[in-house]
Amino acid sequence: MSLIPKDYHWSWNNFLTDEIVMELDGIEKKIGTNINPERDKVLRFMKCNLYDIKVVILGQDPYPEKGKATGRAFEVGDLVSWNQKFRQVSLKNIVRLLYKNYNGITEYKDIKKFSEIQKEIKEGKFSILPPNEIFGSWESQGVLLLNTYLSVEAGISRSHIPIWENFSRELLKFISQENKNISWFLWGKMAEDKKRFIRYGKYYESRHPMMCSEFYEDDFLKNDCFKDTMSIINWKD
């Protein structure tokens, strides 16, 4: 059973050399069956048209909890409303940065807590698609939500990093070579480390959204990635 989606987009044909297909066969054997995301979503990115991609958001590895990983970086599988309780702090801070940018907030001290933004969403004061729709909207507009490492053993974060290392390197080289006009959002050291394989494009680098503080010079909430790409992506709706 191949990891390659049956309905993958033709724009990945040149990437799927004999060597890469053989490597994927080996990866499939190594990762086993107790994995996140589900097997048919591991290479979900291949369903996107490579030449339509405008932005790549580069994550780390998938959520290790069952039911959370979807094959899209930062998307939480069972989350359907921003007013649900959820643990993923990175996603909360992504919403905080969107709120900051769309409301023209410039001072760090004026950035609202996620709980305050939740209230505004509920009251209709801040319009944003629900979490089970917004990632699909971004993807349809040309945002590739790509994890650096594409699977994880259920319950054990970072468990498949060595397995995907070479594949990830070759994938990033191919994407940046084939589509040279991408804006790359590199959040955190794991993503920033991959910049050496990304040969073309514009880079937005910051600390990972998992932990934010005004005292970090490269703090995620100081990043202009969403602000600078509003003209090509509608990040809210």
C-alpha atoms as a PDB file:
ATOM      1  CA  MET A   1       0.000   0.000   0.000  1.00  0.00           C
ATOM      2  CA  SER A   2       1.804   3.111  -1.222  1.00  0.00           C
ATOM      3  CA  LEU A   3       1.960   6.333   0.782  1.00  0.00           C
ATOM      4  CA  ILE A   4       1.597   8.285  -2.482  1.00  0.00           C
ATOM      5  CA  PRO A   5      -2.035   9.429  -2.870  1.00  0.00           C
ATOM      6  CA  LYS A   6      -3.821   7.853  -5.817  1.00  0.00           C
ATOM      7  CA  ASP A   7      -5.129  11.298  -6.784  1.00  0.00           C
ATOM      8  CA  TYR A   8      -1.841  13.171  -6.409  1.00  0.00           C
ATOM      9  CA  HIS A   9      -1.408  16.203  -8.677  1.00  0.00           C
ATOM     10  CA  TRP A  10       0.635  15.795 -11.868  1.00  0.00           C
ATOM     11  CA  SER A  11       2.905  18.714 -10.843  1.00  0.00           C
ATOM     12  CA  TRP A  12       4.762  16.288  -8.535  1.00  0.00           C
ATOM     13  CA  ASN A  13       5.611  13.853 -11.335  1.00  0.00           C
ATOM     14  CA  ASN A  14       9.189  15.091 -11.726  1.00  0.00           C
ATOM     15  CA  PHE A  15       9.745  14.708  -7.998  1.00  0.00           C
ATOM     16  CA  LEU A  16       8.642  11.079  -8.014  1.00  0.00           C
ATOM     17  CA  THR A  17      11.825   9.659  -9.513  1.00  0.00           C
ATOM     18  CA  ASP A  18      12.636   5.982  -9.161  1.00  0.00           C
ATOM     19  CA  GLU A  19      14.949   6.879  -6.262  1.00  0.00           C
ATOM     20  CA  ILE A  20      12.263   8.826  -4.381  1.00  0.00           C
ATOM     21  CA  VAL A  21       9.640   6.119  -4.938  1.00  0.00           C
ATOM     22  CA  MET A  22      12.090   3.498  -3.624  1.00  0.00           C
ATOM     23  CA  GLU A  23      12.829   5.694  -0.622  1.00  0.00           C
ATOM     24  CA  LEU A  24       9.108   6.068   0.104  1.00  0.00           C
ATOM     25  CA  ASP A  25       8.721   2.286  -0.056  1.00  0.00           C
ATOM     26  CA  GLY A  26      11.439   2.001   2.578  1.00  0.00           C
ATOM     27  CA  ILE A  27       9.885   4.751   4.709  1.00  0.00           C
ATOM     28  CA  GLU A  28       6.524   3.004   4.575  1.00  0.00           C
ATOM     29  CA  LYS A  29       8.046  -0.147   6.026  1.00  0.00           C
ATOM     30  CA  LYS A  30       9.921   1.761   8.752  1.00  0.00           C
ATOM     31  CA  ILE A  31       7.032   3.857  10.057  1.00  0.00           C
ATOM     32  CA  GLY A  32       4.708   0.900  10.574  1.00  0.00           C
ATOM     33  CA  THR A  33       0.965   1.283  11.156  1.00  0.00           C
ATOM     34  CA  ASN A  34       0.686   3.000  14.552  1.00  0.00           C
ATOM     35  CA  ILE A  35       1.182   6.469  13.082  1.00  0.00           C
ATOM     36  CA  ASN A  36      -0.194   9.982  12.912  1.00  0.00           C
ATOM     37  CA  PRO A  37      -1.624  11.218  10.638  1.00  0.00           C
ATOM     38  CA  GLU A  38      -3.514   8.343   9.061  1.00  0.00           C
ATOM     39  CA  ARG A  39      -1.564   6.655   6.283  1.00  0.00           C
ATOM     40  CA  ASP A  40      -3.623   8.150   3.452  1.00  0.00           C
ATOM     41  CA  LYS A  41      -2.913  11.670   4.749  1.00  0.00           C
ATOM     42  CA  VAL A  42       0.870  11.393   5.249  1.00  0.00           C
ATOM     43  CA  LEU A  43       1.631  12.791   1.766  1.00  0.00           C
ATOM     44  CA  ARG A  44      -1.511  14.906   1.541  1.00  0.00           C
ATOM     45  CA  PHE A  45       0.533  17.838   0.214  1.00  0.00           C
ATOM     46  CA  MET A  46       0.884  16.012  -3.130  1.00  0.00           C
ATOM     47  CA  LYS A  47      -2.778  16.719  -3.902  1.00  0.00           C
ATOM     48  CA  CYS A  48      -1.944  20.421  -4.253  1.00  0.00           C
ATOM     49  CA  ASN A  49      -0.803  21.981  -7.526  1.00  0.00           C
ATOM     50  CA  LEU A  50       2.848  22.835  -6.925  1.00  0.00           C
ATOM     51  CA  TYR A  51       2.721  25.719  -9.392  1.00  0.00           C
ATOM     52  CA  ASP A  52      -0.221  27.380  -7.611  1.00  0.00           C
ATOM     53  CA  ILE A  53       1.597  27.555  -4.278  1.00  0.00           C
ATOM     54  CA  LYS A  54       2.211  31.103  -3.033  1.00  0.00           C
ATOM     55  CA  VAL A  55       3.090  30.437   0.617  1.00  0.00           C
ATOM     56  CA  VAL A  56       4.610  27.462   2.434  1.00  0.00           C
ATOM     57  CA  ILE A  57       4.033  27.305   6.180  1.00  0.00           C
ATOM     58  CA  LEU A  58       6.676  24.885   7.406  1.00  0.00           C
ATOM     59  CA  GLY A  59       5.813  23.062  10.612  1.00  0.00           C
ATOM     60  CA  GLN A  60       7.767  20.495  12.625  1.00  0.00           C
ATOM     61  CA  ASP A  61       6.279  17.022  12.872  1.00  0.00           C
ATOM     62  CA  PRO A  62       2.608  16.025  13.236  1.00  0.00           C
ATOM     63  CA  TYR A  63       0.697  16.067  16.507  1.00  0.00           C
ATOM     64  CA  PRO A  64       1.366  12.762  18.308  1.00  0.00           C
ATOM     65  CA  GLU A  65      -2.138  12.513  19.816  1.00  0.00           C
ATOM     66  CA  LYS A  66      -4.581  10.286  17.956  1.00  0.00           C
ATOM     67  CA  GLY A  67      -7.165  12.188  15.942  1.00  0.00           C
ATOM     68  CA  LYS A  68      -5.289  15.488  15.947  1.00  0.00           C
ATOM     69  CA  ALA A  69      -2.958  15.258  12.925  1.00  0.00           C
ATOM     70  CA  THR A  70      -4.547  15.796   9.502  1.00  0.00           C
ATOM     71  CA  GLY A  71      -1.576  15.949   7.149  1.00  0.00           C
ATOM     72  CA  ARG A  72      -1.713  19.752   7.216  1.00  0.00           C
ATOM     73  CA  ALA A  73       0.731  21.520   9.542  1.00  0.00           C
ATOM     74  CA  PHE A  74      -0.939  23.133  12.580  1.00  0.00           C
ATOM     75  CA  GLU A  75      -4.467  21.928  11.741  1.00  0.00           C
ATOM     76  CA  VAL A  76      -6.207  20.135  14.627  1.00  0.00           C
ATOM     77  CA  GLY A  77      -8.367  17.293  13.347  1.00  0.00           C
ATOM     78  CA  ASP A  78     -11.236  17.336  15.844  1.00  0.00           C
ATOM     79  CA  LEU A  79     -11.503  21.101  16.275  1.00  0.00           C
ATOM     80  CA  VAL A  80     -14.650  22.621  14.733  1.00  0.00           C
ATOM     81  CA  SER A  81     -15.052  25.866  16.700  1.00  0.00           C
ATOM     82  CA  TRP A  82     -12.656  28.457  18.100  1.00  0.00           C
ATOM     83  CA  ASN A  83     -14.732  28.366  21.290  1.00  0.00           C
ATOM     84  CA  GLN A  84     -13.944  24.715  21.947  1.00  0.00           C
ATOM     85  CA  LYS A  85     -11.308  23.998  24.536  1.00  0.00           C
ATOM     86  CA  PHE A  86      -8.075  22.858  22.889  1.00  0.00           C
ATOM     87  CA  ARG A  87      -4.473  22.463  23.980  1.00  0.00           C
ATOM     88  CA  GLN A  88      -2.537  23.473  20.870  1.00  0.00           C
ATOM     89  CA  VAL A  89      -0.923  26.766  21.935  1.00  0.00           C
ATOM     90  CA  SER A  90       0.717  27.247  18.517  1.00  0.00           C
ATOM     91  CA  LEU A  91      -2.673  27.491  16.829  1.00  0.00           C
ATOM     92  CA  LYS A  92      -3.917  29.922  19.466  1.00  0.00           C
ATOM     93  CA  ASN A  93      -0.924  32.168  18.820  1.00  0.00           C
ATOM     94  CA  ILE A  94      -1.452  31.965  15.054  1.00  0.00           C
ATOM     95  CA  VAL A  95      -4.949  33.384  15.631  1.00  0.00           C
ATOM     96  CA  ARG A  96      -3.483  36.064  17.927  1.00  0.00           C
ATOM     97  CA  LEU A  97      -1.067  37.187  15.192  1.00  0.00           C
ATOM     98  CA  LEU A  98      -3.891  37.277  12.640  1.00  0.00           C
ATOM     99  CA  TYR A  99      -5.946  39.375  15.049  1.00  0.00           C
ATOM    100  CA  LYS A 100      -3.017  41.713  15.615  1.00  0.00           C
ATOM    101  CA  ASN A 101      -2.381  42.205  11.890  1.00  0.00           C
ATOM    102  CA  TYR A 102      -5.991  42.608  10.792  1.00  0.00           C
ATOM    103  CA  ASN A 103      -6.659  45.119  13.559  1.00  0.00           C
ATOM    104  CA  GLY A 104      -3.547  47.187  12.891  1.00  0.00           C
ATOM    105  CA  ILE A 105      -2.051  46.564  16.332  1.00  0.00           C
ATOM    106  CA  THR A 106       1.581  47.660  16.514  1.00  0.00           C
ATOM    107  CA  GLU A 107       2.437  47.505  20.228  1.00  0.00           C
ATOM    108  CA  TYR A 108       3.146  44.094  21.717  1.00  0.00           C
ATOM    109  CA  LYS A 109       1.395  45.017  24.949  1.00  0.00           C
ATOM    110  CA  ASP A 110      -1.820  45.577  23.001  1.00  0.00           C
ATOM    111  CA  ILE A 111      -1.958  42.030  21.584  1.00  0.00           C
ATOM    112  CA  LYS A 112      -4.990  40.354  23.110  1.00  0.00           C
ATOM    113  CA  LYS A 113      -5.011  37.018  24.880  1.00  0.00           C
ATOM    114  CA  PHE A 114      -6.574  34.185  22.953  1.00  0.00           C
ATOM    115  CA  SER A 115      -9.442  33.973  25.457  1.00  0.00           C
ATOM    116  CA  GLU A 116     -10.325  37.610  24.702  1.00  0.00           C
ATOM    117  CA  ILE A 117     -10.238  36.952  20.951  1.00  0.00           C
ATOM    118  CA  GLN A 118     -12.457  33.888  21.471  1.00  0.00           C
ATOM    119  CA  LYS A 119     -15.047  36.158  23.044  1.00  0.00           C
ATOM    120  CA  GLU A 120     -14.879  38.602  20.122  1.00  0.00           C
ATOM    121  CA  ILE A 121     -15.283  35.739  17.634  1.00  0.00           C
ATOM    122  CA  LYS A 122     -18.339  34.486  19.525  1.00  0.00           C
ATOM    123  CA  GLU A 123     -19.869  37.977  19.605  1.00  0.00           C
ATOM    124  CA  GLY A 124     -19.193  38.512  15.887  1.00  0.00           C
ATOM    125  CA  LYS A 125     -16.709  41.325  16.499  1.00  0.00           C
ATOM    126  CA  PHE A 126     -13.838  39.449  14.844  1.00  0.00           C
ATOM    127  CA  SER A 127     -14.699  37.542  11.685  1.00  0.00           C
ATOM    128  CA  ILE A 128     -12.626  34.443  11.006  1.00  0.00           C
ATOM    129  CA  LEU A 129     -13.469  31.065   9.487  1.00  0.00           C
ATOM    130  CA  PRO A 130     -13.836  28.196  11.990  1.00  0.00           C
ATOM    131  CA  PRO A 131     -10.834  25.893  12.446  1.00  0.00           C
ATOM    132  CA  ASN A 132     -12.363  23.065  10.403  1.00  0.00           C
ATOM    133  CA  GLU A 133     -12.696  25.400   7.376  1.00  0.00           C
ATOM    134  CA  ILE A 134      -9.855  27.904   7.542  1.00  0.00           C
ATOM    135  CA  PHE A 135      -7.022  25.519   6.628  1.00  0.00           C
ATOM    136  CA  GLY A 136      -8.906  24.316   3.571  1.00  0.00           C
ATOM    137  CA  SER A 137      -9.515  27.931   2.566  1.00  0.00           C
ATOM    138  CA  TRP A 138      -5.803  28.730   2.874  1.00  0.00           C
ATOM    139  CA  GLU A 139      -4.900  25.650   0.861  1.00  0.00           C
ATOM    140  CA  SER A 140      -7.348  26.575  -1.922  1.00  0.00           C
ATOM    141  CA  GLN A 141      -5.706  30.009  -2.116  1.00  0.00           C
ATOM    142  CA  GLY A 142      -2.202  28.574  -2.535  1.00  0.00           C
ATOM    143  CA  VAL A 143      -0.948  27.951   1.002  1.00  0.00           C
ATOM    144  CA  LEU A 144       0.928  24.681   1.517  1.00  0.00           C
ATOM    145  CA  LEU A 145       0.785  23.595   5.162  1.00  0.00           C
ATOM    146  CA  LEU A 146       3.792  21.301   5.197  1.00  0.00           C
ATOM    147  CA  ASN A 147       5.366  19.508   8.119  1.00  0.00           C
ATOM    148  CA  THR A 148       9.148  19.129   8.003  1.00  0.00           C
ATOM    149  CA  TYR A 149       8.746  15.483   9.019  1.00  0.00           C
ATOM    150  CA  LEU A 150       5.606  13.829   7.757  1.00  0.00           C
ATOM    151  CA  SER A 151       4.647  11.213  10.320  1.00  0.00           C
ATOM    152  CA  VAL A 152       5.094  10.338  13.955  1.00  0.00           C
ATOM    153  CA  GLU A 153       4.534   7.207  16.017  1.00  0.00           C
ATOM    154  CA  ALA A 154       1.282   7.730  17.883  1.00  0.00           C
ATOM    155  CA  GLY A 155       2.022   9.183  21.304  1.00  0.00           C
ATOM    156  CA  ILE A 156       5.733   9.802  20.699  1.00  0.00           C
ATOM    157  CA  SER A 157       6.650  13.203  19.265  1.00  0.00           C
ATOM    158  CA  ARG A 158       9.712  13.489  16.980  1.00  0.00           C
ATOM    159  CA  SER A 159       9.888   9.693  16.723  1.00  0.00           C
ATOM    160  CA  HIS A 160      10.188   9.590  12.909  1.00  0.00           C
ATOM    161  CA  ILE A 161      12.616  12.465  12.336  1.00  0.00           C
ATOM    162  CA  PRO A 162      15.559  10.267  11.221  1.00  0.00           C
ATOM    163  CA  ILE A 163      13.295   8.333   8.848  1.00  0.00           C
ATOM    164  CA  TRP A 164      12.165  11.451   6.960  1.00  0.00           C
ATOM    165  CA  GLU A 165      15.410  13.482   7.069  1.00  0.00           C
ATOM    166  CA  ASN A 166      16.648  12.785   3.541  1.00  0.00           C
ATOM    167  CA  PHE A 167      13.189  12.868   1.967  1.00  0.00           C
ATOM    168  CA  SER A 168      12.458  16.237   3.585  1.00  0.00           C
ATOM    169  CA  ARG A 169      15.687  17.704   2.281  1.00  0.00           C
ATOM    170  CA  GLU A 170      15.015  16.560  -1.284  1.00  0.00           C
ATOM    171  CA  LEU A 171      11.401  17.706  -1.121  1.00  0.00           C
ATOM    172  CA  LEU A 172      12.287  21.250  -0.045  1.00  0.00           C
ATOM    173  CA  LYS A 173      14.965  21.505  -2.732  1.00  0.00           C
ATOM    174  CA  PHE A 174      12.475  20.388  -5.375  1.00  0.00           C
ATOM    175  CA  ILE A 175       9.673  22.739  -4.285  1.00  0.00           C
ATOM    176  CA  SER A 176      11.909  25.810  -4.215  1.00  0.00           C
ATOM    177  CA  GLN A 177      13.553  24.914  -7.523  1.00  0.00           C
ATOM    178  CA  GLU A 178      10.254  24.323  -9.330  1.00  0.00           C
ATOM    179  CA  ASN A 179       8.381  27.300  -7.867  1.00  0.00           C
ATOM    180  CA  LYS A 180      10.733  30.193  -7.170  1.00  0.00           C
ATOM    181  CA  ASN A 181       8.109  32.736  -6.106  1.00  0.00           C
ATOM    182  CA  ILE A 182       7.064  31.209  -2.786  1.00  0.00           C
ATOM    183  CA  SER A 183       7.016  33.055   0.543  1.00  0.00           C
ATOM    184  CA  TRP A 184       8.382  30.629   3.147  1.00  0.00           C
ATOM    185  CA  PHE A 185       7.153  30.907   6.728  1.00  0.00           C
ATOM    186  CA  LEU A 186       9.884  29.296   8.824  1.00  0.00           C
ATOM    187  CA  TRP A 187       8.666  29.115  12.411  1.00  0.00           C
ATOM    188  CA  GLY A 188      11.080  27.681  14.962  1.00  0.00           C
ATOM    189  CA  LYS A 189      14.583  26.227  14.833  1.00  0.00           C
ATOM    190  CA  MET A 190      13.550  23.003  13.118  1.00  0.00           C
ATOM    191  CA  ALA A 191      12.027  24.934  10.207  1.00  0.00           C
ATOM    192  CA  GLU A 192      14.773  27.572  10.113  1.00  0.00           C
ATOM    193  CA  ASP A 193      17.386  24.827   9.876  1.00  0.00           C
ATOM    194  CA  LYS A 194      15.827  23.760   6.561  1.00  0.00           C
ATOM    195  CA  LYS A 195      16.452  27.156   4.974  1.00  0.00           C
ATOM    196  CA  ARG A 196      19.760  25.822   3.633  1.00  0.00           C
ATOM    197  CA  PHE A 197      17.816  23.516   1.306  1.00  0.00           C
ATOM    198  CA  ILE A 198      15.396  26.221   0.129  1.00  0.00           C
ATOM    199  CA  ARG A 199      17.194  27.850  -2.758  1.00  0.00           C
ATOM    200  CA  TYR A 200      14.653  30.426  -3.924  1.00  0.00           C
ATOM    201  CA  GLY A 201      11.853  32.510  -2.461  1.00  0.00           C
ATOM    202  CA  LYS A 202      11.268  35.006   0.337  1.00  0.00           C
ATOM    203  CA  TYR A 203      11.789  33.983   3.952  1.00  0.00           C
ATOM    204  CA  TYR A 204       9.874  34.946   7.091  1.00  0.00           C
ATOM    205  CA  GLU A 205      11.670  33.565  10.122  1.00  0.00           C
ATOM    206  CA  SER A 206      10.705  33.655  13.777  1.00  0.00           C
ATOM    207  CA  ARG A 207      10.563  31.570  16.899  1.00  0.00           C
ATOM    208  CA  HIS A 208       7.986  28.801  16.923  1.00  0.00           C
ATOM    209  CA  PRO A 209       4.451  29.979  17.830  1.00  0.00           C
ATOM    210  CA  MET A 210       4.381  27.462  20.681  1.00  0.00           C
ATOM    211  CA  MET A 211       5.928  29.928  23.121  1.00  0.00           C
ATOM    212  CA  CYS A 212       5.691  33.704  22.783  1.00  0.00           C
ATOM    213  CA  SER A 213       7.197  36.537  24.818  1.00  0.00           C
ATOM    214  CA  GLU A 214       7.790  40.221  24.235  1.00  0.00           C
ATOM    215  CA  PHE A 215      11.381  39.671  25.362  1.00  0.00           C
ATOM    216  CA  TYR A 216      12.278  37.483  22.371  1.00  0.00           C
ATOM    217  CA  GLU A 217      13.724  39.600  19.590  1.00  0.00           C
ATOM    218  CA  ASP A 218      12.482  37.091  17.005  1.00  0.00           C
ATOM    219  CA  ASP A 219       9.200  36.355  18.750  1.00  0.00           C
ATOM    220  CA  PHE A 220       6.445  34.873  16.574  1.00  0.00           C
ATOM    221  CA  LEU A 221       3.985  37.647  17.445  1.00  0.00           C
ATOM    222  CA  LYS A 222       6.448  40.192  16.001  1.00  0.00           C
ATOM    223  CA  ASN A 223       6.462  38.402  12.626  1.00  0.00           C
ATOM    224  CA  ASP A 224       5.130  40.252   9.550  1.00  0.00           C
ATOM    225  CA  CYS A 225       4.427  37.071   7.571  1.00  0.00           C
ATOM    226  CA  PHE A 226       0.634  37.453   7.513  1.00  0.00           C
ATOM    227  CA  LYS A 227       0.725  41.228   7.211  1.00  0.00           C
ATOM    228  CA  ASP A 228       3.002  41.167   4.152  1.00  0.00           C
ATOM    229  CA  THR A 229       0.965  38.494   2.335  1.00  0.00           C
ATOM    230  CA  MET A 230      -2.553  39.856   2.879  1.00  0.00           C
ATOM    231  CA  SER A 231      -2.647  41.042  -0.717  1.00  0.00           C
ATOM    232  CA  ILE A 232      -2.319  37.457  -2.032  1.00  0.00           C
ATOM    233  CA  ILE A 233      -4.015  35.419   0.735  1.00  0.00           C
ATOM    234  CA  ASN A 234      -7.207  36.169   2.669  1.00  0.00           C
ATOM    235  CA  TRP A 235      -6.071  34.782   5.991  1.00  0.00           C
ATOM    236  CA  LYS A 236      -9.355  35.350   7.834  1.00  0.00           C
ATOM    237  CA  ASP A 237     -12.158  34.374   5.500  1.00  0.00           C
END
